[in-house]
Protein backbone atom coordinates (compact mmCIF):
# COMPACT_ATOMS: atom_id res chain seq x y z
CA MET A 1 -19.70 170.63 126.75
CA THR A 2 -19.70 167.59 129.06
CA LEU A 3 -23.15 166.66 130.35
CA ASP A 4 -22.33 164.09 133.02
CA ALA A 5 -23.77 164.48 136.53
CA PRO A 6 -20.70 166.02 138.27
CA HIS A 7 -20.30 168.70 135.58
CA PHE A 8 -24.04 169.38 135.55
CA LEU A 9 -24.18 169.81 139.34
CA ALA A 10 -21.05 171.99 139.28
CA LEU A 11 -22.66 174.25 136.67
CA VAL A 12 -25.87 174.40 138.72
CA TRP A 13 -23.85 175.46 141.77
CA ARG A 14 -21.92 178.07 139.77
CA SER A 15 -25.23 179.37 138.41
CA VAL A 16 -26.44 180.28 141.90
CA THR A 17 -23.11 181.36 143.39
CA ASP A 18 -21.72 183.31 140.40
CA PRO A 19 -24.69 183.72 138.05
CA VAL A 20 -23.44 186.48 135.73
CA PRO A 21 -20.68 184.62 133.81
CA VAL A 22 -22.80 181.46 133.66
CA ALA A 23 -25.79 183.43 132.33
CA GLN A 24 -23.58 185.12 129.74
CA GLY A 25 -22.25 181.77 128.56
CA ILE A 26 -25.71 180.15 128.44
CA ARG A 27 -27.25 183.21 126.73
CA ASP A 28 -24.65 183.16 123.97
CA MET A 29 -25.28 179.51 123.07
CA ARG A 30 -27.16 179.15 119.82
CA TRP A 31 -29.74 176.39 120.18
CA ASP A 32 -32.45 175.57 117.70
CA ARG A 33 -35.82 176.79 118.98
CA ASN A 34 -37.31 173.29 118.70
CA ILE A 35 -34.63 172.02 121.09
CA LEU A 36 -35.47 174.81 123.54
CA TRP A 37 -39.20 173.97 123.48
CA THR A 38 -38.26 170.33 124.01
CA GLY A 39 -36.23 171.47 127.03
CA PHE A 40 -39.32 173.15 128.46
CA ALA A 41 -41.29 169.95 127.88
CA LEU A 42 -38.57 167.92 129.63
CA VAL A 43 -38.67 170.20 132.67
CA ALA A 44 -42.48 169.97 132.76
CA VAL A 45 -42.40 166.15 132.54
CA LEU A 46 -39.73 165.84 135.23
CA SER A 47 -41.68 168.24 137.47
CA ALA A 48 -44.82 166.16 136.90
CA ILE A 49 -42.96 162.97 137.82
CA LEU A 50 -41.67 164.58 141.02
CA GLN A 51 -45.21 165.80 141.77
CA GLY A 52 -46.55 162.28 141.17
CA VAL A 53 -44.01 160.76 143.56
CA LEU A 54 -44.96 163.34 146.18
CA GLN A 55 -48.64 162.46 145.72
CA LEU A 56 -47.88 158.77 146.27
CA MET A 57 -45.79 159.43 149.36
CA ILE A 58 -47.93 162.15 150.94
CA PRO A 59 -51.57 161.39 150.09
CA ALA A 60 -53.94 164.30 150.50
CA GLU A 61 -56.09 164.04 153.62
CA ALA A 62 -58.45 166.86 152.84
CA GLU A 63 -59.98 168.38 149.75
CA GLN A 64 -58.12 171.65 150.19
CA ASN A 65 -54.81 169.78 150.08
CA TRP A 66 -55.68 167.96 146.85
CA MET A 67 -53.20 168.49 144.03
CA PRO A 68 -53.85 167.96 140.31
CA PRO A 69 -52.89 164.60 138.77
CA ALA A 70 -49.34 164.50 137.49
CA LEU A 71 -50.38 164.67 133.82
CA ILE A 72 -52.49 167.80 134.36
CA TYR A 73 -49.74 169.24 136.55
CA GLY A 74 -47.22 168.70 133.72
CA ALA A 75 -49.47 170.42 131.17
CA LEU A 76 -50.07 173.36 133.50
CA MET A 77 -46.35 173.58 134.24
CA TYR A 78 -45.49 173.63 130.53
CA GLY A 79 -48.00 176.40 129.88
CA PHE A 80 -46.77 178.39 132.87
CA LEU A 81 -43.11 178.09 131.84
CA ALA A 82 -43.81 179.09 128.24
CA LEU A 83 -45.93 182.07 129.27
CA ASN A 84 -43.40 183.18 131.89
CA ALA A 85 -40.62 183.07 129.29
CA TRP A 86 -42.67 185.06 126.79
CA LEU A 87 -43.62 187.67 129.42
CA THR A 88 -39.99 187.96 130.53
CA TYR A 89 -39.08 188.69 126.92
CA VAL A 90 -41.95 191.14 126.22
CA ILE A 91 -41.78 193.04 129.50
CA GLY A 92 -37.99 193.25 129.29
CA LYS A 93 -38.19 194.68 125.77
CA ALA A 94 -40.81 197.20 126.94
CA MET A 95 -38.39 198.30 129.68
CA GLY A 96 -35.58 198.88 127.19
CA GLY A 97 -34.00 195.44 127.21
CA THR A 98 -32.21 194.01 124.19
CA GLY A 99 -32.57 190.26 124.73
CA ASN A 100 -34.20 188.25 121.97
CA PHE A 101 -36.74 185.45 122.38
CA ASP A 102 -34.29 182.60 121.71
CA GLU A 103 -31.92 183.95 124.36
CA THR A 104 -34.88 184.18 126.73
CA LEU A 105 -35.87 180.57 126.09
CA THR A 106 -32.28 179.40 126.54
CA LEU A 107 -31.86 181.11 129.91
CA MET A 108 -35.33 180.14 131.14
CA VAL A 109 -34.81 176.46 130.29
CA TRP A 110 -31.51 176.49 132.18
CA PHE A 111 -33.04 178.34 135.13
CA GLN A 112 -35.88 175.82 135.33
CA LEU A 113 -33.39 172.94 135.32
CA ILE A 114 -31.58 174.63 138.20
CA SER A 115 -34.87 175.06 140.06
CA LEU A 116 -35.84 171.43 139.44
CA THR A 117 -32.45 170.28 140.74
CA PHE A 118 -33.06 172.21 143.96
CA SER A 119 -36.56 170.70 144.22
CA VAL A 120 -35.15 167.18 143.93
CA ALA A 121 -32.54 167.97 146.59
CA GLN A 122 -35.25 169.34 148.87
CA PHE A 123 -37.37 166.21 148.28
CA LEU A 124 -34.45 163.94 149.21
CA LEU A 125 -33.73 166.00 152.32
CA MET A 126 -37.40 165.75 153.30
CA LEU A 127 -37.07 161.97 153.34
CA VAL A 128 -34.15 161.93 155.77
CA MET A 129 -34.22 165.26 157.65
CA PRO A 130 -37.53 167.13 157.30
CA LEU A 131 -36.42 170.08 159.45
CA LEU A 132 -33.30 170.59 157.34
CA ALA A 133 -35.49 170.41 154.23
CA VAL A 134 -37.43 173.45 155.48
CA VAL A 135 -34.20 175.41 156.04
CA PHE A 136 -32.96 174.31 152.62
CA ALA A 137 -36.22 175.47 151.02
CA LEU A 138 -35.79 178.97 152.44
CA ALA A 139 -32.12 179.15 151.44
CA SER A 140 -32.80 177.82 147.95
CA PHE A 141 -35.61 180.35 147.44
CA MET A 142 -33.19 183.19 148.15
CA MET A 143 -30.47 181.71 145.92
CA LEU A 144 -32.90 181.10 143.06
CA LEU A 145 -34.35 184.60 143.36
CA ARG A 146 -30.86 186.10 143.14
CA CYS A 147 -30.04 183.81 140.22
CA MET A 148 -33.21 184.78 138.32
CA VAL A 149 -32.64 188.51 138.77
CA HIS A 150 -29.08 188.21 137.48
CA PHE A 151 -30.20 186.02 134.58
CA VAL A 152 -32.80 188.61 133.50
CA ASP A 153 -30.24 191.40 133.89
CA VAL A 154 -27.77 189.54 131.66
CA LEU A 155 -30.51 188.58 129.19
CA HIS A 156 -31.73 192.12 128.59
CA ARG A 157 -28.35 193.80 129.24
CA PHE A 158 -30.02 196.18 131.68
CA ASP A 159 -26.99 196.68 133.92
CA SER A 160 -29.64 197.37 136.57
CA LEU A 161 -30.68 194.72 139.12
CA PRO A 162 -33.81 196.68 140.21
CA LYS A 163 -35.01 196.80 136.59
CA ALA A 164 -34.25 193.09 136.19
CA PHE A 165 -36.13 192.32 139.41
CA GLY A 166 -39.12 194.36 138.21
CA THR A 167 -39.15 192.49 134.89
CA ALA A 168 -38.95 189.07 136.54
CA PHE A 169 -41.59 189.98 139.14
CA MET A 170 -44.08 191.33 136.59
CA ALA A 171 -43.56 188.29 134.34
CA LEU A 172 -44.16 185.94 137.27
CA ILE A 173 -47.30 187.77 138.42
CA GLY A 174 -48.63 187.83 134.85
CA ALA A 175 -48.04 184.10 134.35
CA VAL A 176 -49.66 183.21 137.68
CA ALA A 177 -52.66 185.46 137.00
CA ALA A 178 -53.11 183.92 133.55
CA GLY A 179 -52.96 180.41 135.02
CA LEU A 180 -55.58 180.88 137.73
CA PRO A 181 -58.61 180.58 135.40
CA PHE A 182 -57.32 177.21 134.16
CA TYR A 183 -57.36 175.85 137.71
CA SER A 184 -60.94 176.99 138.03
CA LEU A 185 -61.98 175.56 134.64
CA LEU A 186 -60.43 172.19 135.49
CA GLY A 187 -62.11 172.19 138.90
CA LEU A 188 -58.80 172.17 140.73
CA ASN A 189 -58.11 173.74 144.08
CA LEU A 190 -55.05 175.81 144.81
CA PRO A 191 -53.54 175.77 148.29
CA GLY A 192 -55.86 177.85 150.42
CA GLY A 193 -59.14 176.74 148.85
CA PRO A 194 -61.09 176.74 145.64
CA ILE A 195 -60.68 179.47 143.04
């Protein structure tokens, strides 16, 4: 598999426009679990770097807009991604899915790389055309949601998009709910005020 930028971006685009065959191909790759955990760490570090750049460019003007330092953000992101992957696996199995944990990690790492690519694109658009960045954010949310539902459907071989959506939604809610106490313990504020 070629990993240069044009092929990577083409695969990202195929993942959101025709997610089923891409998800099937990614799912069937056999990666060592240590490599997959390293992939999660890479996504967390890259997300933290992007967060740090945003903090430098858009300094918080009020306490309620304060965001965690990039290092803490990266640690929280890593924990969130790992928990979300585990919940996607466990909830999917409870709903009759057949995906295993390594397949879950593989698809979740790839999905997070897709999501990060969209975040970088949105960040670059924000620098040159802020209004277009808002439109892009809405469009990318819809594309990523569709992509995630199809990925979970392929992962657990549900052949049912509503069941896949339910699995992804419950995993996301569970991961967010589990993360909220950590914000409080670290004295961080979420958008909207203190926890």
